[in-house]
Structures are given as structure tokens and as C-alpha cells.
Amino acid sequence: MTRVHLDVRSLSLLKSHTTRQLPSVRYGHRLEAIALSLGFNTWSSFTHHLKSLSNDAPAARVIDIFEMRARLVELGYVQEAVAPLSFVDLEDDVHFMCDIDGLVATRMASFRHLLNADTNLIARTTAVARMAYARLTAGSSGSHDNFRVPVLDVLRDMGIACHYRSEFGANEVEHAMNELIDLRAQLADRRGETTVPVFSSVLVPAADPDFVRYTFNPTFFAQAKVALAG
């Protein structure tokens, strides 16, 4: 899920990107859809929030496409609400971040390049990056160590659970884990290109159902570390 910084330039880019995808929606209605996607009931309440922000406030919000679609339906734009909507391209702008604390978006392009072997991965890249970043910042533990991240964060990153939903079911968890364990990355070495699994293991144990426990394929993680950390 893409996260937008609440500054003038970033919001201008967000409005422009929304206009390109929803050209038939009235300007004022696009603003209302954007506001709800950022967690505000109206554009007026959103602008009021912007005025009250202090310089050191955490000024970033996830763009919730589910909520944007809901507002479009409320305003009578049913056809537009079911059309493809994506803000993933904005991850490559320095003012946009994936929903990963401390990971700037400028690293995501090189990270996504590793995963081009899987054409269905575009909606999964943020989840994998979150898990890789957690592994990267965990210290000098061995590559085979088992790590964990909140399962709800992973479901939200993958678009399986809405950002403003706090509950999830067993079927959603099973679906997400199956998708992650099946992921493949395309790596290049002196012998050419090869495809390897991203994970050695991914599971949500019954004894600890709020967390995903995972181990990366060491070959993949060596490349992911370079992509994310430089």
C-alpha cells in the first residue's frame, strides 16, 4: 500500500495521478474521494488537519483505495469505482513511501526488479519488502534465523485486508501464506539468470496467531539486502 506525505508537492502529485485515472469524475468529487482514502470524512476536514500539523508531526498517510472506491460509489460513480486504480508508481517519488517504517520509496524500484519473474507480485512487493526490512534491521543474526512481523500488516500490504480493518479470518491468512511461499525471484549471476524461491518458510503458528514467522531463502536475501540498503 502506498503512503503519501502530507506536503504541498506530494499532494499535488496525488491529485494529478488521481485525475489521470479518473478523468470523468468532477474535480470536487475527486477531492472527496482522496480525503476518504486518507482517513478523513471530507476534504474540508482533511485541509483543517493539514493546517493543524506541527513541523515535527508524523505527516504521512496510507492511500486506501478501498475507501476511495467507496466514496466514488456514494457520489454516483459506480463505473469509475470498479475501474483499475493504482498508486504504486508514486512509490518511486521521494515524497512517497511504502507502508514500512524507515524504508524510503526510492529503494522500491530496485527491489521490485528482483521480483519481475513473478508477474503477479506487484501487489505483494510491499509485504515482502516489509519482511526483508525487518530481517535487515534485526542485527547480525544468521540468514537462517526465523523472524516475525504482525500478520495484519502483511495482509494490509497485500491488499487482502483493508487498512482500517483490525480483524481477519483464517481463510485470509491461509491465502496470504500460500501466495508468499509460492513467490519466486529472478536473480542474475555469472552463469546467467536463475529463479529462486523468496522464502524458505512462511507460517502463522496456532500458538502465536497474530504474527507471521518466516525464513528467507539465503540466496534471495543476499540480493534483497543490496537492493534495500545499497
C-alpha atoms as a PDB file:
ATOM      1  CA  MET A   1       0.000   0.000   0.000  1.00  0.00           C
ATOM      2  CA  THR A   2       1.368   3.399  -0.963  1.00  0.00           C
ATOM      3  CA  ARG A   3       1.838   6.061   1.651  1.00  0.00           C
ATOM      4  CA  VAL A   4       1.735   9.795   0.837  1.00  0.00           C
ATOM      5  CA  HIS A   5       3.499  12.594   2.676  1.00  0.00           C
ATOM      6  CA  LEU A   6       1.193  15.451   3.599  1.00  0.00           C
ATOM      7  CA  ASP A   7       3.110  18.256   1.925  1.00  0.00           C
ATOM      8  CA  VAL A   8       2.105  20.510  -0.966  1.00  0.00           C
ATOM      9  CA  ARG A   9       4.206  18.828  -3.660  1.00  0.00           C
ATOM     10  CA  SER A  10       3.218  15.291  -2.719  1.00  0.00           C
ATOM     11  CA  LEU A  11      -0.488  16.101  -2.512  1.00  0.00           C
ATOM     12  CA  SER A  12      -0.289  17.846  -5.880  1.00  0.00           C
ATOM     13  CA  LEU A  13       1.215  14.686  -7.374  1.00  0.00           C
ATOM     14  CA  LEU A  14      -1.508  12.600  -5.739  1.00  0.00           C
ATOM     15  CA  LYS A  15      -4.254  14.820  -7.176  1.00  0.00           C
ATOM     16  CA  SER A  16      -2.658  14.704 -10.637  1.00  0.00           C
ATOM     17  CA  HIS A  17      -2.358  10.919 -10.522  1.00  0.00           C
ATOM     18  CA  THR A  18      -5.992  10.637  -9.428  1.00  0.00           C
ATOM     19  CA  THR A  19      -7.106  12.952 -12.249  1.00  0.00           C
ATOM     20  CA  ARG A  20      -5.315  10.826 -14.852  1.00  0.00           C
ATOM     21  CA  GLN A  21      -7.074   7.691 -13.601  1.00  0.00           C
ATOM     22  CA  LEU A  22     -10.498   9.276 -13.018  1.00  0.00           C
ATOM     23  CA  PRO A  23     -10.878  11.914 -15.769  1.00  0.00           C
ATOM     24  CA  SER A  24     -14.688  11.687 -15.832  1.00  0.00           C
ATOM     25  CA  VAL A  25     -15.075  12.400 -12.097  1.00  0.00           C
ATOM     26  CA  ARG A  26     -15.750  16.029 -11.152  1.00  0.00           C
ATOM     27  CA  TYR A  27     -12.828  17.832  -9.502  1.00  0.00           C
ATOM     28  CA  GLY A  28     -14.601  18.370  -6.199  1.00  0.00           C
ATOM     29  CA  HIS A  29     -15.700  14.752  -6.084  1.00  0.00           C
ATOM     30  CA  ARG A  30     -12.135  13.573  -6.738  1.00  0.00           C
ATOM     31  CA  LEU A  31     -11.015  15.617  -3.740  1.00  0.00           C
ATOM     32  CA  GLU A  32     -13.689  13.994  -1.558  1.00  0.00           C
ATOM     33  CA  ALA A  33     -12.577  10.533  -2.721  1.00  0.00           C
ATOM     34  CA  ILE A  34      -8.947  11.389  -1.937  1.00  0.00           C
ATOM     35  CA  ALA A  35      -9.916  12.670   1.512  1.00  0.00           C
ATOM     36  CA  LEU A  36     -11.705   9.445   2.442  1.00  0.00           C
ATOM     37  CA  SER A  37      -8.817   7.367   1.096  1.00  0.00           C
ATOM     38  CA  LEU A  38      -6.552   9.201   3.556  1.00  0.00           C
ATOM     39  CA  GLY A  39      -8.869   8.601   6.508  1.00  0.00           C
ATOM     40  CA  PHE A  40     -10.937  11.812   6.563  1.00  0.00           C
ATOM     41  CA  ASN A  41     -14.702  12.074   6.037  1.00  0.00           C
ATOM     42  CA  THR A  42     -14.498  15.246   3.939  1.00  0.00           C
ATOM     43  CA  TRP A  43     -11.913  17.299   2.051  1.00  0.00           C
ATOM     44  CA  SER A  44     -12.691  20.174   4.437  1.00  0.00           C
ATOM     45  CA  SER A  45     -11.768  18.092   7.495  1.00  0.00           C
ATOM     46  CA  PHE A  46      -8.605  16.970   5.715  1.00  0.00           C
ATOM     47  CA  THR A  47      -7.473  20.535   4.957  1.00  0.00           C
ATOM     48  CA  HIS A  48      -8.255  21.519   8.561  1.00  0.00           C
ATOM     49  CA  HIS A  49      -5.989  18.675   9.701  1.00  0.00           C
ATOM     50  CA  LEU A  50      -3.196  19.909   7.429  1.00  0.00           C
ATOM     51  CA  LYS A  51      -3.356  23.395   8.959  1.00  0.00           C
ATOM     52  CA  SER A  52      -3.042  21.963  12.469  1.00  0.00           C
ATOM     53  CA  LEU A  53       0.047  19.858  11.764  1.00  0.00           C
ATOM     54  CA  SER A  54       3.197  20.845  13.611  1.00  0.00           C
ATOM     55  CA  ASN A  55       6.575  20.682  11.901  1.00  0.00           C
ATOM     56  CA  ASP A  56       7.594  17.551  13.799  1.00  0.00           C
ATOM     57  CA  ALA A  57       4.274  15.696  13.355  1.00  0.00           C
ATOM     58  CA  PRO A  58       4.292  12.311  11.573  1.00  0.00           C
ATOM     59  CA  ALA A  59       2.736  13.719   8.386  1.00  0.00           C
ATOM     60  CA  ALA A  60       2.117  10.674   6.200  1.00  0.00           C
ATOM     61  CA  ARG A  61      -0.982   8.643   5.374  1.00  0.00           C
ATOM     62  CA  VAL A  62      -1.704   5.397   3.567  1.00  0.00           C
ATOM     63  CA  ILE A  63      -3.763   5.781   0.371  1.00  0.00           C
ATOM     64  CA  ASP A  64      -6.651   3.362   0.966  1.00  0.00           C
ATOM     65  CA  ILE A  65      -8.029   2.526  -2.484  1.00  0.00           C
ATOM     66  CA  PHE A  66     -10.934   0.569  -0.954  1.00  0.00           C
ATOM     67  CA  GLU A  67     -12.164   3.748   0.750  1.00  0.00           C
ATOM     68  CA  MET A  68     -11.624   5.795  -2.411  1.00  0.00           C
ATOM     69  CA  ARG A  69     -13.835   3.373  -4.337  1.00  0.00           C
ATOM     70  CA  ALA A  70     -16.481   3.523  -1.596  1.00  0.00           C
ATOM     71  CA  ARG A  71     -16.681   7.312  -1.823  1.00  0.00           C
ATOM     72  CA  LEU A  72     -16.932   7.174  -5.626  1.00  0.00           C
ATOM     73  CA  VAL A  73     -19.912   4.825  -5.308  1.00  0.00           C
ATOM     74  CA  GLU A  74     -21.539   7.166  -2.762  1.00  0.00           C
ATOM     75  CA  LEU A  75     -21.163  10.021  -5.249  1.00  0.00           C
ATOM     76  CA  GLY A  76     -22.711   8.012  -8.089  1.00  0.00           C
ATOM     77  CA  TYR A  77     -19.580   6.971  -9.971  1.00  0.00           C
ATOM     78  CA  VAL A  78     -20.207   3.222  -9.973  1.00  0.00           C
ATOM     79  CA  GLN A  79     -18.429   2.509 -13.257  1.00  0.00           C
ATOM     80  CA  GLU A  80     -15.371   4.520 -12.229  1.00  0.00           C
ATOM     81  CA  ALA A  81     -15.271   2.784  -8.846  1.00  0.00           C
ATOM     82  CA  VAL A  82     -14.757  -0.645 -10.421  1.00  0.00           C
ATOM     83  CA  ALA A  83     -12.087   0.521 -12.882  1.00  0.00           C
ATOM     84  CA  PRO A  84      -8.423  -0.318 -12.142  1.00  0.00           C
ATOM     85  CA  LEU A  85      -6.897   2.104  -9.625  1.00  0.00           C
ATOM     86  CA  SER A  86      -3.276   2.074  -8.511  1.00  0.00           C
ATOM     87  CA  PHE A  87      -0.828   4.496  -6.952  1.00  0.00           C
ATOM     88  CA  VAL A  88       2.150   2.146  -6.970  1.00  0.00           C
ATOM     89  CA  ASP A  89       4.030   4.354  -9.463  1.00  0.00           C
ATOM     90  CA  LEU A  90       4.210   7.049  -6.809  1.00  0.00           C
ATOM     91  CA  GLU A  91       6.442   4.803  -4.698  1.00  0.00           C
ATOM     92  CA  ASP A  92       9.338   5.857  -6.916  1.00  0.00           C
ATOM     93  CA  ASP A  93       8.951   9.516  -5.934  1.00  0.00           C
ATOM     94  CA  VAL A  94      10.987  10.563  -2.912  1.00  0.00           C
ATOM     95  CA  HIS A  95       7.888  12.067  -1.281  1.00  0.00           C
ATOM     96  CA  PHE A  96       6.070   8.730  -1.278  1.00  0.00           C
ATOM     97  CA  MET A  97       6.747   5.751   0.952  1.00  0.00           C
ATOM     98  CA  CYS A  98       5.666   2.157   1.174  1.00  0.00           C
ATOM     99  CA  ASP A  99       3.956   1.379   4.458  1.00  0.00           C
ATOM    100  CA  ILE A 100       7.260   0.356   6.045  1.00  0.00           C
ATOM    101  CA  ASP A 101       8.754   2.425   8.851  1.00  0.00           C
ATOM    102  CA  GLY A 102      12.153   3.769   7.867  1.00  0.00           C
ATOM    103  CA  LEU A 103      12.213   2.490   4.286  1.00  0.00           C
ATOM    104  CA  VAL A 104      12.165   5.286   1.701  1.00  0.00           C
ATOM    105  CA  ALA A 105      10.398   4.683  -1.565  1.00  0.00           C
ATOM    106  CA  THR A 106      13.432   5.323  -3.743  1.00  0.00           C
ATOM    107  CA  ARG A 107      14.646   1.816  -2.855  1.00  0.00           C
ATOM    108  CA  MET A 108      11.482   0.119  -4.069  1.00  0.00           C
ATOM    109  CA  ALA A 109      12.255   0.269  -7.796  1.00  0.00           C
ATOM    110  CA  SER A 110      15.437  -1.792  -7.456  1.00  0.00           C
ATOM    111  CA  PHE A 111      13.712  -4.147  -5.029  1.00  0.00           C
ATOM    112  CA  ARG A 112      10.807  -4.738  -7.413  1.00  0.00           C
ATOM    113  CA  HIS A 113      13.309  -5.541 -10.168  1.00  0.00           C
ATOM    114  CA  LEU A 114      14.333  -8.679  -8.252  1.00  0.00           C
ATOM    115  CA  LEU A 115      10.771  -9.921  -8.354  1.00  0.00           C
ATOM    116  CA  ASN A 116       9.963  -9.393 -12.024  1.00  0.00           C
ATOM    117  CA  ALA A 117       9.994 -13.152 -12.552  1.00  0.00           C
ATOM    118  CA  ASP A 118       6.569 -13.259 -10.900  1.00  0.00           C
ATOM    119  CA  THR A 119       4.084 -11.155 -12.873  1.00  0.00           C
ATOM    120  CA  ASN A 120       1.544 -11.329 -10.050  1.00  0.00           C
ATOM    121  CA  LEU A 121       3.899  -9.878  -7.458  1.00  0.00           C
ATOM    122  CA  ILE A 122       3.219  -6.169  -7.885  1.00  0.00           C
ATOM    123  CA  ALA A 123       0.635  -6.183  -5.082  1.00  0.00           C
ATOM    124  CA  ARG A 124       2.917  -8.297  -2.884  1.00  0.00           C
ATOM    125  CA  THR A 125       6.136  -6.282  -3.118  1.00  0.00           C
ATOM    126  CA  THR A 126       5.374  -4.106  -0.094  1.00  0.00           C
ATOM    127  CA  ALA A 127       4.752  -7.138   2.126  1.00  0.00           C
ATOM    128  CA  VAL A 128       7.993  -8.805   1.038  1.00  0.00           C
ATOM    129  CA  ALA A 129       9.901  -5.531   1.487  1.00  0.00           C
ATOM    130  CA  ARG A 130       8.464  -5.112   4.998  1.00  0.00           C
ATOM    131  CA  MET A 131       9.609  -8.611   5.914  1.00  0.00           C
ATOM    132  CA  ALA A 132      13.037  -8.091   4.337  1.00  0.00           C
ATOM    133  CA  TYR A 133      13.477  -4.771   6.112  1.00  0.00           C
ATOM    134  CA  ALA A 134      12.562  -6.353   9.457  1.00  0.00           C
ATOM    135  CA  ARG A 135      15.190  -9.011   8.794  1.00  0.00           C
ATOM    136  CA  LEU A 136      17.712  -6.390   7.677  1.00  0.00           C
ATOM    137  CA  THR A 137      17.348  -4.294  10.824  1.00  0.00           C
ATOM    138  CA  ALA A 138      17.311  -7.247  13.232  1.00  0.00           C
ATOM    139  CA  GLY A 139      21.081  -7.276  13.720  1.00  0.00           C
ATOM    140  CA  SER A 140      23.768  -9.772  12.779  1.00  0.00           C
ATOM    141  CA  SER A 141      21.764 -12.969  13.248  1.00  0.00           C
ATOM    142  CA  GLY A 142      22.328 -15.761  10.750  1.00  0.00           C
ATOM    143  CA  SER A 143      20.437 -15.874   7.453  1.00  0.00           C
ATOM    144  CA  HIS A 144      18.555 -18.978   8.508  1.00  0.00           C
ATOM    145  CA  ASP A 145      17.057 -17.387  11.620  1.00  0.00           C
ATOM    146  CA  ASN A 146      13.289 -17.226  11.888  1.00  0.00           C
ATOM    147  CA  PHE A 147      11.764 -13.726  12.065  1.00  0.00           C
ATOM    148  CA  ARG A 148       8.271 -12.400  12.620  1.00  0.00           C
ATOM    149  CA  VAL A 149       6.082  -9.423  11.652  1.00  0.00           C
ATOM    150  CA  PRO A 150       2.430  -8.666  12.516  1.00  0.00           C
ATOM    151  CA  VAL A 151       0.130 -10.696  10.295  1.00  0.00           C
ATOM    152  CA  LEU A 152      -2.287  -7.757   9.939  1.00  0.00           C
ATOM    153  CA  ASP A 153       0.479  -5.594   8.442  1.00  0.00           C
ATOM    154  CA  VAL A 154       1.196  -8.289   5.861  1.00  0.00           C
ATOM    155  CA  LEU A 155      -2.496  -8.704   4.976  1.00  0.00           C
ATOM    156  CA  ARG A 156      -2.866  -4.946   4.543  1.00  0.00           C
ATOM    157  CA  ASP A 157       0.282  -4.698   2.420  1.00  0.00           C
ATOM    158  CA  MET A 158      -1.024  -7.463   0.167  1.00  0.00           C
ATOM    159  CA  GLY A 159      -4.428  -5.807  -0.182  1.00  0.00           C
ATOM    160  CA  ILE A 160      -6.160  -8.778   1.442  1.00  0.00           C
ATOM    161  CA  ALA A 161      -7.337  -6.754   4.455  1.00  0.00           C
ATOM    162  CA  CYS A 162      -8.412  -3.107   4.395  1.00  0.00           C
ATOM    163  CA  HIS A 163      -6.074  -0.696   6.186  1.00  0.00           C
ATOM    164  CA  TYR A 164      -8.795   0.422   8.600  1.00  0.00           C
ATOM    165  CA  ARG A 165      -9.923  -3.094   9.451  1.00  0.00           C
ATOM    166  CA  SER A 166      -8.468  -4.733  12.536  1.00  0.00           C
ATOM    167  CA  GLU A 167      -9.942  -8.217  12.151  1.00  0.00           C
ATOM    168  CA  PHE A 168      -9.123 -11.018   9.725  1.00  0.00           C
ATOM    169  CA  GLY A 169     -10.151 -14.617   9.156  1.00  0.00           C
ATOM    170  CA  ALA A 170      -8.318 -17.922   8.863  1.00  0.00           C
ATOM    171  CA  ASN A 171      -9.057 -18.147   5.135  1.00  0.00           C
ATOM    172  CA  GLU A 172      -7.433 -14.762   4.504  1.00  0.00           C
ATOM    173  CA  VAL A 173      -4.338 -15.798   6.431  1.00  0.00           C
ATOM    174  CA  GLU A 174      -4.060 -19.123   4.604  1.00  0.00           C
ATOM    175  CA  HIS A 175      -4.454 -17.382   1.239  1.00  0.00           C
ATOM    176  CA  ALA A 176      -1.693 -14.891   2.060  1.00  0.00           C
ATOM    177  CA  MET A 177       0.731 -17.527   3.338  1.00  0.00           C
ATOM    178  CA  ASN A 178       0.206 -19.688   0.239  1.00  0.00           C
ATOM    179  CA  GLU A 179       0.925 -16.731  -2.031  1.00  0.00           C
ATOM    180  CA  LEU A 180       4.091 -15.797  -0.163  1.00  0.00           C
ATOM    181  CA  ILE A 181       5.576 -19.292  -0.068  1.00  0.00           C
ATOM    182  CA  ASP A 182       4.978 -19.628  -3.827  1.00  0.00           C
ATOM    183  CA  LEU A 183       6.815 -16.397  -4.714  1.00  0.00           C
ATOM    184  CA  ARG A 184       9.885 -16.611  -6.936  1.00  0.00           C
ATOM    185  CA  ALA A 185      12.630 -14.055  -7.609  1.00  0.00           C
ATOM    186  CA  GLN A 186      14.742 -13.681 -10.719  1.00  0.00           C
ATOM    187  CA  LEU A 187      18.441 -13.341  -9.896  1.00  0.00           C
ATOM    188  CA  ALA A 188      21.450 -12.841 -12.153  1.00  0.00           C
ATOM    189  CA  ASP A 189      24.924 -14.308 -11.661  1.00  0.00           C
ATOM    190  CA  ARG A 190      27.922 -15.263 -13.804  1.00  0.00           C
ATOM    191  CA  ARG A 191      26.022 -18.222 -15.199  1.00  0.00           C
ATOM    192  CA  GLY A 192      23.083 -16.077 -16.290  1.00  0.00           C
ATOM    193  CA  GLU A 193      19.643 -15.647 -14.766  1.00  0.00           C
ATOM    194  CA  THR A 194      18.083 -18.084 -12.343  1.00  0.00           C
ATOM    195  CA  THR A 195      14.762 -18.229 -10.496  1.00  0.00           C
ATOM    196  CA  VAL A 196      14.762 -18.988  -6.769  1.00  0.00           C
ATOM    197  CA  PRO A 197      12.110 -19.117  -4.020  1.00  0.00           C
ATOM    198  CA  VAL A 198      11.816 -15.909  -1.983  1.00  0.00           C
ATOM    199  CA  PHE A 199      11.109 -17.741   1.280  1.00  0.00           C
ATOM    200  CA  SER A 200      12.317 -20.980   2.815  1.00  0.00           C
ATOM    201  CA  SER A 201       9.339 -20.986   5.165  1.00  0.00           C
ATOM    202  CA  VAL A 202       6.303 -18.806   5.931  1.00  0.00           C
ATOM    203  CA  LEU A 203       3.667 -19.626   8.539  1.00  0.00           C
ATOM    204  CA  VAL A 204       1.342 -18.263  11.190  1.00  0.00           C
ATOM    205  CA  PRO A 205       1.630 -20.662  14.145  1.00  0.00           C
ATOM    206  CA  ALA A 206      -1.505 -21.556  16.083  1.00  0.00           C
ATOM    207  CA  ALA A 207       0.276 -20.656  19.318  1.00  0.00           C
ATOM    208  CA  ASP A 208       1.060 -17.134  18.051  1.00  0.00           C
ATOM    209  CA  PRO A 209      -1.694 -16.258  15.524  1.00  0.00           C
ATOM    210  CA  ASP A 210      -1.013 -12.509  15.414  1.00  0.00           C
ATOM    211  CA  PHE A 211       2.401 -12.868  13.782  1.00  0.00           C
ATOM    212  CA  VAL A 212       3.838 -14.252  10.556  1.00  0.00           C
ATOM    213  CA  ARG A 213       7.021 -16.238  11.162  1.00  0.00           C
ATOM    214  CA  TYR A 214       9.304 -16.578   8.154  1.00  0.00           C
ATOM    215  CA  THR A 215      12.754 -17.503   6.913  1.00  0.00           C
ATOM    216  CA  PHE A 216      14.139 -16.063   3.682  1.00  0.00           C
ATOM    217  CA  ASN A 217      15.923 -18.113   1.076  1.00  0.00           C
ATOM    218  CA  PRO A 218      19.540 -17.019   1.801  1.00  0.00           C
ATOM    219  CA  THR A 219      20.289 -16.582  -1.914  1.00  0.00           C
ATOM    220  CA  PHE A 220      17.351 -14.223  -2.353  1.00  0.00           C
ATOM    221  CA  PHE A 221      18.040 -12.296   0.838  1.00  0.00           C
ATOM    222  CA  ALA A 222      21.627 -11.568  -0.178  1.00  0.00           C
ATOM    223  CA  GLN A 223      20.293  -9.762  -3.264  1.00  0.00           C
ATOM    224  CA  ALA A 224      17.405  -8.128  -1.383  1.00  0.00           C
ATOM    225  CA  LYS A 225      19.841  -6.676   1.145  1.00  0.00           C
ATOM    226  CA  VAL A 226      21.754  -4.924  -1.639  1.00  0.00           C
ATOM    227  CA  ALA A 227      18.540  -3.593  -3.205  1.00  0.00           C
ATOM    228  CA  LEU A 228      17.141  -2.211   0.047  1.00  0.00           C
ATOM    229  CA  ALA A 229      20.285  -0.994   1.786  1.00  0.00           C
ATOM    230  CA  GLY A 230      22.538  -0.147  -1.153  1.00  0.00           C
END
